[in-house]
Amino acid sequence: MDNINWSELSFGYIKTDLNVRCSFKNGVWGELEYTDSEYIPMHMAATCLHYGQEAFEGLKAFRGADGKIRIFRMEENAKRMQSTCDGILMQRIPVEKFCEAVIGIVKKNERFVPPYGSGASLYIRPLLIGTSAQVGVKPAEEYMFLVFVTPVGPYFKEGFQPTPVVILREYDRAAPLGTGKYKVGGNYAASLSAGEKAHELGYSMVLYLDAREKKYIDECGPANFFGIKNNTYITPKSESILPSITNDSLMKIAPSLGIKVEQRPIPETELASFEEAGACGTAAVISPIQRIDDLQEGKSYVFSKDGKAGPLSEKLYNKLRAIQLGELPDDYGFNTIVE
């Protein structure tokens, strides 16, 4: 622990003391088991390896101003994992067992929760995989649920600074009636090629358009999109977008800041009228967007000319972070305090 520089952490993996696992066999979930092993013994014919029966979540725990540890919106992650399970026919992990595992593993790795004021947090990664050995294309009969944690710094090394984003029309993230609204690894595999091209071109991420018409804003590779104009927070409504818990949180707190909220289809042409834009998700909360370049159409939409985030994005970011860190009252019931 002495060699961790909390303020210099990247968004990467550091080994912690324990992870927790639970297996579904013979129609029932077993007990939680803690282990220091970082490896999963698995049959080579497991369905997760061949047919993508895999779901994951991402959430964080924070050391607050009062020294207490807070886990942010854990139950919502549990419910979203259940939605993913329904979408790809996996066995649902009960919300209670999900929460028990998350709280338990945070407690057992408490020494890895970064100190208040460091800007770092404890990232929590629940994972659910099909483990049955079978070669037929059908749902598994056995599953493993596990949760590991690791201390992380900001997802984007720039921190809360606007970065350029690109629209690459030759790529789609998810089909309109596909798995875009579920948190499965396949969606992220589908985004790797476009993401790598964006980075090579000097952009922080890709902003995807809808796959059907290439007309409406969908989402960024690792995060939901929002734009702000006329004192209104506007975010896309689409069946192929992952429902971001951070986005939902921002929509809930916006009215308290006097900001109106709209969730609706956003045509790309509307980008020209936005005063601010950003991407939002667990990893970064809000990543302000400097500009969006549509290379194929030769268009560029600029939101920040001075290198600073917009005022409403900053207000939303600061309020949500203050709630996560216990600096402001949690009027929304977002946090679970680890006793």
Foldseek 3Di string as FASTA:
>chain_A
DVPDQLLPFAADFDQFQWKWKWKQAPHDIDDIDIDSDPDDDADPQFCCVPPQQKAKFKWWWAQFPVRFIKTFQLLVRLVLQQVLCVQQVHDRDDSVRSVVRVLVQCVVRVVQADHPPSQKTKMKMKMKGGGARDDDPDGHNMMMIMMDIGIGHFNDPVAQWAWAEEEDAVAAQAAQPGCLQHRTVSSLVSQVVVQVVCVVVRGNWYFYAHPPPSWWTAATSVFFKWFDDPLEIEGEDGSNHHPAPLVVVLQVCSVVVVGHYYYYTHTPVCLQRTQWMWTAHNRRSTHTHQWYAHPVVRDIRGNDDPRHHDPSVVVSVVVVVCCSRVVDDPPPPGIDTND
